[in-house]
Amino acid sequence: MIRTIIYGVLLWATTIYALRKGGLEERIAALGLFISSYLTWIVIRPFATRYSNLEIPVVSVDATLAVILLWLALRSDKFWPLWLVAMQTLATLAHFAPWVPHIIPWGYGSAVAIWGYPMLIVLFVIIRRASHDQHLG
């Protein structure tokens, strides 16, 4: 429960910050993360069976976000979108966990979810640095 609250606060704070202070690329990334987070919560299985098998709707959401971030990275002249692509790709590849012998649902779910935190933190720091650099000159 506390993990969900922390993630929600970080998600909302980063998205609002991106919309207020970020450039177009930061806004696209933040909205992609925001929308995919809520889509995941909508399509995921009930808690009792969550991550007991491959979560195909969640894989679809994660893969779509990876493609959006890859598109953003390919059109950008900045380096940071590649970090988000790499982390989102790792989250998407974590969906292969059910094929690992003796994997428990908690391990699968954690492997998928853990990447959201560093993605949001990286994006927040990037916006902060860009905003700070604009004020300097």
Protein backbone atom coordinates (compact mmCIF):
# COMPACT_ATOMS: atom_id res chain seq x y z
CA MET A 1 0.00 0.00 0.00
CA ILE A 2 2.72 2.49 0.93
CA ARG A 3 4.56 1.66 -2.31
CA THR A 4 1.45 2.59 -4.29
CA ILE A 5 1.12 5.90 -2.44
CA ILE A 6 4.78 6.79 -2.98
CA TYR A 7 4.55 5.91 -6.67
CA GLY A 8 1.34 7.92 -7.06
CA VAL A 9 2.85 11.01 -5.45
CA LEU A 10 5.98 10.70 -7.58
CA LEU A 11 3.90 10.13 -10.73
CA TRP A 12 1.64 13.12 -10.15
CA ALA A 13 4.49 15.41 -9.05
CA THR A 14 6.62 14.55 -12.07
CA THR A 15 3.74 14.88 -14.51
CA ILE A 16 2.64 18.26 -13.15
CA TYR A 17 6.24 19.45 -13.08
CA ALA A 18 6.75 18.33 -16.70
CA LEU A 19 3.58 20.08 -17.85
CA ARG A 20 4.58 23.31 -16.09
CA LYS A 21 8.35 23.43 -16.64
CA GLY A 22 9.29 20.79 -19.18
CA GLY A 23 9.77 21.04 -22.91
CA LEU A 24 7.77 19.08 -25.46
CA GLU A 25 9.87 15.92 -25.07
CA GLU A 26 9.59 15.97 -21.28
CA ARG A 27 5.83 16.47 -21.52
CA ILE A 28 5.42 13.58 -23.95
CA ALA A 29 7.49 11.29 -21.71
CA ALA A 30 5.63 12.33 -18.56
CA LEU A 31 2.20 11.92 -20.15
CA GLY A 32 3.26 8.53 -21.55
CA LEU A 33 4.30 7.38 -18.09
CA PHE A 34 1.16 8.84 -16.51
CA ILE A 35 -1.28 7.30 -18.99
CA SER A 36 0.46 3.92 -19.04
CA SER A 37 0.44 3.78 -15.23
CA TYR A 38 -3.29 4.29 -15.08
CA LEU A 39 -3.95 1.95 -18.00
CA THR A 40 -1.97 -0.72 -16.18
CA TRP A 41 -4.11 -0.30 -13.06
CA ILE A 42 -7.23 -0.61 -15.23
CA VAL A 43 -6.22 -3.75 -17.17
CA ILE A 44 -4.34 -5.74 -14.52
CA ARG A 45 -5.91 -8.86 -13.02
CA PRO A 46 -7.48 -8.87 -9.58
CA PHE A 47 -4.99 -9.02 -6.72
CA ALA A 48 -5.57 -12.71 -5.93
CA THR A 49 -4.38 -13.84 -9.39
CA ARG A 50 -2.15 -10.90 -10.29
CA TYR A 51 1.17 -11.92 -11.91
CA SER A 52 0.42 -15.63 -11.52
CA ASN A 53 0.64 -15.93 -15.32
CA LEU A 54 1.68 -13.67 -18.17
CA GLU A 55 -0.21 -10.37 -17.87
CA ILE A 56 -0.91 -9.87 -21.59
CA PRO A 57 -2.83 -6.57 -21.22
CA VAL A 58 -0.02 -5.16 -19.07
CA VAL A 59 2.60 -6.36 -21.57
CA SER A 60 0.66 -4.49 -24.25
CA VAL A 61 0.67 -1.27 -22.23
CA ASP A 62 4.37 -1.62 -21.39
CA ALA A 63 5.40 -2.43 -24.96
CA THR A 64 3.39 0.50 -26.30
CA LEU A 65 5.12 2.87 -23.88
CA ALA A 66 8.50 1.42 -24.91
CA VAL A 67 7.70 2.15 -28.57
CA ILE A 68 6.56 5.70 -27.76
CA LEU A 69 9.75 6.35 -25.77
CA LEU A 70 11.85 4.85 -28.58
CA TRP A 71 10.15 7.15 -31.08
CA LEU A 72 10.86 10.07 -28.75
CA ALA A 73 14.52 9.06 -28.39
CA LEU A 74 14.98 8.68 -32.15
CA ARG A 75 13.64 12.15 -32.89
CA SER A 76 15.39 13.84 -29.97
CA ASP A 77 18.81 15.44 -29.95
CA LYS A 78 19.01 14.76 -26.20
CA PHE A 79 20.50 11.72 -24.51
CA TRP A 80 18.07 11.24 -21.60
CA PRO A 81 15.24 9.63 -23.62
CA LEU A 82 17.53 6.65 -24.21
CA TRP A 83 17.65 6.07 -20.45
CA LEU A 84 13.87 5.90 -20.31
CA VAL A 85 13.76 3.58 -23.33
CA ALA A 86 16.30 1.27 -21.69
CA MET A 87 14.40 1.13 -18.39
CA GLN A 88 11.03 0.63 -20.07
CA THR A 89 12.47 -2.10 -22.26
CA LEU A 90 13.74 -3.87 -19.13
CA ALA A 91 10.27 -3.57 -17.59
CA THR A 92 8.75 -5.03 -20.76
CA LEU A 93 11.26 -7.88 -20.90
CA ALA A 94 10.49 -8.68 -17.25
CA HIS A 95 7.18 -10.04 -18.52
CA PHE A 96 9.11 -13.15 -19.56
CA ALA A 97 9.44 -13.97 -15.84
CA PRO A 98 6.59 -16.52 -15.82
CA TRP A 99 8.78 -18.77 -17.98
CA VAL A 100 11.52 -18.78 -15.33
CA PRO A 101 11.26 -21.97 -13.29
CA HIS A 102 9.86 -21.47 -9.80
CA ILE A 103 9.26 -17.73 -10.18
CA ILE A 104 6.75 -16.44 -7.68
CA PRO A 105 4.13 -13.85 -8.62
CA TRP A 106 5.68 -11.29 -6.27
CA GLY A 107 9.02 -11.59 -8.11
CA TYR A 108 7.37 -11.15 -11.49
CA GLY A 109 5.33 -8.16 -10.36
CA SER A 110 8.29 -6.50 -8.69
CA ALA A 111 10.53 -7.00 -11.74
CA VAL A 112 7.95 -5.21 -13.88
CA ALA A 113 7.03 -2.44 -11.44
CA ILE A 114 10.42 -1.47 -10.06
CA TRP A 115 11.49 0.43 -13.19
CA GLY A 116 8.75 3.04 -12.83
CA TYR A 117 10.48 4.72 -9.89
CA PRO A 118 13.86 5.43 -11.53
CA MET A 119 12.12 6.48 -14.74
CA LEU A 120 10.13 9.13 -12.90
CA ILE A 121 13.15 10.25 -10.88
CA VAL A 122 15.32 10.59 -14.00
CA LEU A 123 12.60 12.58 -15.74
CA PHE A 124 12.12 14.86 -12.72
CA VAL A 125 15.87 15.53 -12.49
CA ILE A 126 16.11 16.22 -16.23
CA ILE A 127 13.29 18.77 -16.04
CA ARG A 128 14.90 20.38 -12.99
CA ARG A 129 18.28 20.65 -14.69
CA ALA A 130 16.80 22.03 -17.91
CA SER A 131 14.70 24.54 -15.98
CA HIS A 132 17.73 25.58 -13.91
CA ASP A 133 19.93 25.92 -17.04
CA GLN A 134 17.33 28.18 -18.69
CA HIS A 135 17.39 30.51 -15.70
CA LEU A 136 21.20 30.75 -15.89
CA GLY A 137 21.35 31.98 -19.38
